[in-house]
Amino acid sequence: MAKTIDLAAKPEKITDEQLKEVQQIISISNQIKLEIGNAETRKHALLHELDIVNKKMSELNAKLEEEYGKMDVDIQTGTITYAKNE
């Protein structure tokens, strides 16, 4: 079987319409990636802030336990509830 060679000229570029569509899709994709990056950066900052708050709460709990012993505090009223065996 003889090998056939296609001598027809092949397009060198996509159409302007196709190019515009590709560019729009890539632009949207890049914008989404940027927004995800911003959200992750904000998430990281918030997690860091939460860690600081949790450390402060642990320190306060230790101070309260030192002063009052083992207990629970109603955060609405400040009422202390001691364990039954205390």
N, C-alpha and C. Protein backbone atom coordinates (compact mmCIF):
# COMPACT_ATOMS: atom_id res chain seq x y z
N MET A 1 0.81 -1.17 0.00
CA MET A 1 0.00 0.00 0.00
C MET A 1 0.86 1.25 0.00
N ALA A 2 0.57 2.11 -0.88
CA ALA A 2 1.35 3.33 -1.01
C ALA A 2 0.94 4.34 0.05
N LYS A 3 1.92 5.07 0.50
CA LYS A 3 1.69 6.08 1.51
C LYS A 3 1.21 7.35 0.81
N THR A 4 0.12 7.97 1.32
CA THR A 4 -0.37 9.20 0.71
C THR A 4 0.07 10.38 1.54
N ILE A 5 0.41 11.43 0.87
CA ILE A 5 0.86 12.65 1.54
C ILE A 5 -0.21 13.72 1.32
N ASP A 6 -0.63 14.33 2.43
CA ASP A 6 -1.63 15.39 2.36
C ASP A 6 -0.92 16.70 2.09
N LEU A 7 -1.12 17.24 0.92
CA LEU A 7 -0.46 18.47 0.53
C LEU A 7 -1.31 19.71 0.78
N ALA A 8 -2.50 19.50 1.30
CA ALA A 8 -3.38 20.63 1.56
C ALA A 8 -2.79 21.46 2.70
N ALA A 9 -2.87 22.74 2.53
CA ALA A 9 -2.33 23.65 3.55
C ALA A 9 -3.15 23.52 4.82
N LYS A 10 -2.46 23.46 5.95
CA LYS A 10 -3.14 23.38 7.24
C LYS A 10 -3.19 24.76 7.86
N PRO A 11 -4.26 25.04 8.57
CA PRO A 11 -4.36 26.37 9.17
C PRO A 11 -3.20 26.62 10.14
N GLU A 12 -2.74 27.85 10.18
CA GLU A 12 -1.64 28.22 11.06
C GLU A 12 -2.13 28.87 12.35
N LYS A 13 -3.37 29.31 12.36
CA LYS A 13 -3.92 29.97 13.55
C LYS A 13 -5.37 29.57 13.71
N ILE A 14 -5.83 29.66 14.96
CA ILE A 14 -7.26 29.48 15.19
C ILE A 14 -7.94 30.79 14.82
N THR A 15 -9.25 30.75 14.73
CA THR A 15 -9.97 31.97 14.34
C THR A 15 -9.90 32.98 15.47
N ASP A 16 -10.13 34.25 15.12
CA ASP A 16 -10.13 35.31 16.13
C ASP A 16 -11.19 35.05 17.20
N GLU A 17 -12.32 34.54 16.79
CA GLU A 17 -13.40 34.21 17.72
C GLU A 17 -12.96 33.11 18.69
N GLN A 18 -12.32 32.08 18.17
CA GLN A 18 -11.83 31.00 19.02
C GLN A 18 -10.74 31.50 19.97
N LEU A 19 -9.86 32.34 19.46
CA LEU A 19 -8.80 32.90 20.28
C LEU A 19 -9.38 33.73 21.42
N LYS A 20 -10.39 34.54 21.11
CA LYS A 20 -11.04 35.36 22.13
C LYS A 20 -11.67 34.48 23.21
N GLU A 21 -12.32 33.40 22.79
CA GLU A 21 -12.95 32.48 23.75
C GLU A 21 -11.91 31.82 24.64
N VAL A 22 -10.81 31.36 24.05
CA VAL A 22 -9.73 30.74 24.82
C VAL A 22 -9.17 31.75 25.82
N GLN A 23 -8.94 32.98 25.37
CA GLN A 23 -8.39 34.01 26.25
C GLN A 23 -9.35 34.33 27.40
N GLN A 24 -10.64 34.38 27.12
CA GLN A 24 -11.63 34.65 28.17
C GLN A 24 -11.64 33.54 29.21
N ILE A 25 -11.61 32.30 28.75
CA ILE A 25 -11.64 31.17 29.68
C ILE A 25 -10.38 31.16 30.55
N ILE A 26 -9.23 31.40 29.95
CA ILE A 26 -7.98 31.44 30.72
C ILE A 26 -8.00 32.61 31.70
N SER A 27 -8.54 33.73 31.29
CA SER A 27 -8.65 34.88 32.19
C SER A 27 -9.53 34.58 33.39
N ILE A 28 -10.67 33.94 33.14
CA ILE A 28 -11.58 33.55 34.24
C ILE A 28 -10.87 32.55 35.16
N SER A 29 -10.18 31.59 34.59
CA SER A 29 -9.45 30.60 35.38
C SER A 29 -8.39 31.27 36.25
N ASN A 30 -7.65 32.21 35.69
CA ASN A 30 -6.63 32.93 36.45
C ASN A 30 -7.24 33.76 37.57
N GLN A 31 -8.37 34.39 37.31
CA GLN A 31 -9.05 35.19 38.33
C GLN A 31 -9.52 34.30 39.48
N ILE A 32 -10.05 33.15 39.15
CA ILE A 32 -10.50 32.21 40.19
C ILE A 32 -9.31 31.75 41.03
N LYS A 33 -8.20 31.43 40.38
CA LYS A 33 -7.00 31.01 41.10
C LYS A 33 -6.50 32.12 42.02
N LEU A 34 -6.56 33.35 41.56
CA LEU A 34 -6.15 34.49 42.38
C LEU A 34 -7.06 34.63 43.60
N GLU A 35 -8.36 34.50 43.39
CA GLU A 35 -9.31 34.58 44.50
C GLU A 35 -9.10 33.45 45.50
N ILE A 36 -8.82 32.25 45.00
CA ILE A 36 -8.53 31.12 45.90
C ILE A 36 -7.28 31.42 46.73
N GLY A 37 -6.26 31.95 46.09
CA GLY A 37 -5.03 32.32 46.80
C GLY A 37 -5.30 33.36 47.88
N ASN A 38 -6.10 34.37 47.54
CA ASN A 38 -6.47 35.39 48.52
C ASN A 38 -7.24 34.78 49.68
N ALA A 39 -8.16 33.88 49.37
CA ALA A 39 -8.96 33.23 50.41
C ALA A 39 -8.06 32.37 51.31
N GLU A 40 -7.12 31.66 50.73
CA GLU A 40 -6.21 30.82 51.52
C GLU A 40 -5.30 31.69 52.40
N THR A 41 -4.86 32.83 51.86
CA THR A 41 -4.04 33.75 52.65
C THR A 41 -4.84 34.28 53.83
N ARG A 42 -6.08 34.67 53.60
CA ARG A 42 -6.95 35.16 54.66
C ARG A 42 -7.22 34.05 55.68
N LYS A 43 -7.45 32.83 55.18
CA LYS A 43 -7.68 31.68 56.06
C LYS A 43 -6.47 31.48 56.97
N HIS A 44 -5.28 31.55 56.42
CA HIS A 44 -4.07 31.37 57.20
C HIS A 44 -3.98 32.44 58.30
N ALA A 45 -4.26 33.69 57.94
CA ALA A 45 -4.22 34.78 58.92
C ALA A 45 -5.26 34.56 60.01
N LEU A 46 -6.45 34.14 59.64
CA LEU A 46 -7.51 33.89 60.62
C LEU A 46 -7.15 32.73 61.54
N LEU A 47 -6.56 31.68 61.01
CA LEU A 47 -6.14 30.55 61.84
C LEU A 47 -5.06 30.99 62.84
N HIS A 48 -4.19 31.88 62.40
CA HIS A 48 -3.16 32.41 63.30
C HIS A 48 -3.82 33.22 64.42
N GLU A 49 -4.77 34.08 64.06
CA GLU A 49 -5.50 34.86 65.07
C GLU A 49 -6.24 33.95 66.04
N LEU A 50 -6.85 32.89 65.52
CA LEU A 50 -7.58 31.95 66.37
C LEU A 50 -6.62 31.26 67.34
N ASP A 51 -5.44 30.93 66.89
CA ASP A 51 -4.45 30.31 67.76
C ASP A 51 -4.08 31.26 68.91
N ILE A 52 -3.93 32.52 68.61
CA ILE A 52 -3.62 33.52 69.65
C ILE A 52 -4.76 33.60 70.66
N VAL A 53 -5.99 33.65 70.18
CA VAL A 53 -7.16 33.72 71.05
C VAL A 53 -7.26 32.46 71.92
N ASN A 54 -7.02 31.31 71.33
CA ASN A 54 -7.07 30.05 72.09
C ASN A 54 -6.01 30.03 73.19
N LYS A 55 -4.82 30.56 72.90
CA LYS A 55 -3.77 30.63 73.91
C LYS A 55 -4.19 31.55 75.05
N LYS A 56 -4.79 32.69 74.72
CA LYS A 56 -5.28 33.61 75.74
C LYS A 56 -6.35 32.95 76.60
N MET A 57 -7.24 32.18 75.97
CA MET A 57 -8.30 31.49 76.72
C MET A 57 -7.69 30.45 77.65
N SER A 58 -6.68 29.73 77.18
CA SER A 58 -6.02 28.74 78.03
C SER A 58 -5.36 29.41 79.23
N GLU A 59 -4.71 30.54 79.00
CA GLU A 59 -4.08 31.28 80.09
C GLU A 59 -5.12 31.75 81.10
N LEU A 60 -6.24 32.28 80.62
CA LEU A 60 -7.30 32.74 81.51
C LEU A 60 -7.91 31.57 82.28
N ASN A 61 -8.14 30.46 81.60
CA ASN A 61 -8.66 29.26 82.28
C ASN A 61 -7.73 28.83 83.41
N ALA A 62 -6.43 28.86 83.15
CA ALA A 62 -5.46 28.47 84.18
C ALA A 62 -5.53 29.42 85.37
N LYS A 63 -5.65 30.72 85.13
CA LYS A 63 -5.76 31.70 86.22
C LYS A 63 -7.04 31.49 87.02
N LEU A 64 -8.15 31.27 86.31
CA LEU A 64 -9.42 31.06 87.01
C LEU A 64 -9.39 29.78 87.83
N GLU A 65 -8.79 28.73 87.27
CA GLU A 65 -8.70 27.45 87.98
C GLU A 65 -7.82 27.60 89.22
N GLU A 66 -6.76 28.39 89.10
CA GLU A 66 -5.88 28.63 90.24
C GLU A 66 -6.64 29.35 91.36
N GLU A 67 -7.49 30.29 90.98
CA GLU A 67 -8.23 31.08 91.97
C GLU A 67 -9.45 30.34 92.52
N TYR A 68 -10.20 29.63 91.66
CA TYR A 68 -11.47 29.03 92.06
C TYR A 68 -11.45 27.51 92.13
N GLY A 69 -10.41 26.88 91.63
CA GLY A 69 -10.37 25.43 91.54
C GLY A 69 -11.09 24.95 90.29
N LYS A 70 -11.25 23.64 90.20
CA LYS A 70 -11.94 23.06 89.02
C LYS A 70 -13.40 23.46 89.05
N MET A 71 -13.84 24.07 87.96
CA MET A 71 -15.22 24.53 87.89
C MET A 71 -15.56 24.84 86.45
N ASP A 72 -16.86 25.07 86.24
CA ASP A 72 -17.36 25.55 84.95
C ASP A 72 -17.97 26.91 85.19
N VAL A 73 -17.90 27.77 84.18
CA VAL A 73 -18.47 29.11 84.30
C VAL A 73 -19.51 29.28 83.20
N ASP A 74 -20.69 29.76 83.60
CA ASP A 74 -21.72 30.13 82.62
C ASP A 74 -21.26 31.44 81.99
N ILE A 75 -20.98 31.41 80.70
CA ILE A 75 -20.42 32.61 80.06
C ILE A 75 -21.44 33.72 79.87
N GLN A 76 -22.70 33.45 80.14
CA GLN A 76 -23.72 34.49 80.06
C GLN A 76 -23.85 35.25 81.39
N THR A 77 -23.75 34.50 82.50
CA THR A 77 -24.01 35.11 83.81
C THR A 77 -22.78 35.16 84.72
N GLY A 78 -21.78 34.37 84.42
CA GLY A 78 -20.60 34.31 85.29
C GLY A 78 -20.77 33.34 86.46
N THR A 79 -21.89 32.65 86.51
CA THR A 79 -22.17 31.72 87.60
C THR A 79 -21.21 30.54 87.52
N ILE A 80 -20.66 30.20 88.69
CA ILE A 80 -19.72 29.08 88.79
C ILE A 80 -20.49 27.82 89.16
N THR A 81 -20.16 26.72 88.50
CA THR A 81 -20.69 25.40 88.84
C THR A 81 -19.51 24.51 89.16
N TYR A 82 -19.46 24.01 90.40
CA TYR A 82 -18.39 23.12 90.82
C TYR A 82 -18.80 21.68 90.56
N ALA A 83 -17.83 20.84 90.33
CA ALA A 83 -18.11 19.41 90.16
C ALA A 83 -18.64 18.85 91.46
N LYS A 84 -19.47 17.82 91.40
CA LYS A 84 -20.12 17.22 92.58
C LYS A 84 -19.10 16.73 93.59
N ASN A 85 -17.96 16.20 93.12
CA ASN A 85 -16.99 15.63 94.04
C ASN A 85 -16.00 16.66 94.58
N GLU A 86 -16.15 17.91 94.22
CA GLU A 86 -15.24 18.97 94.70
C GLU A 86 -15.71 19.53 96.00
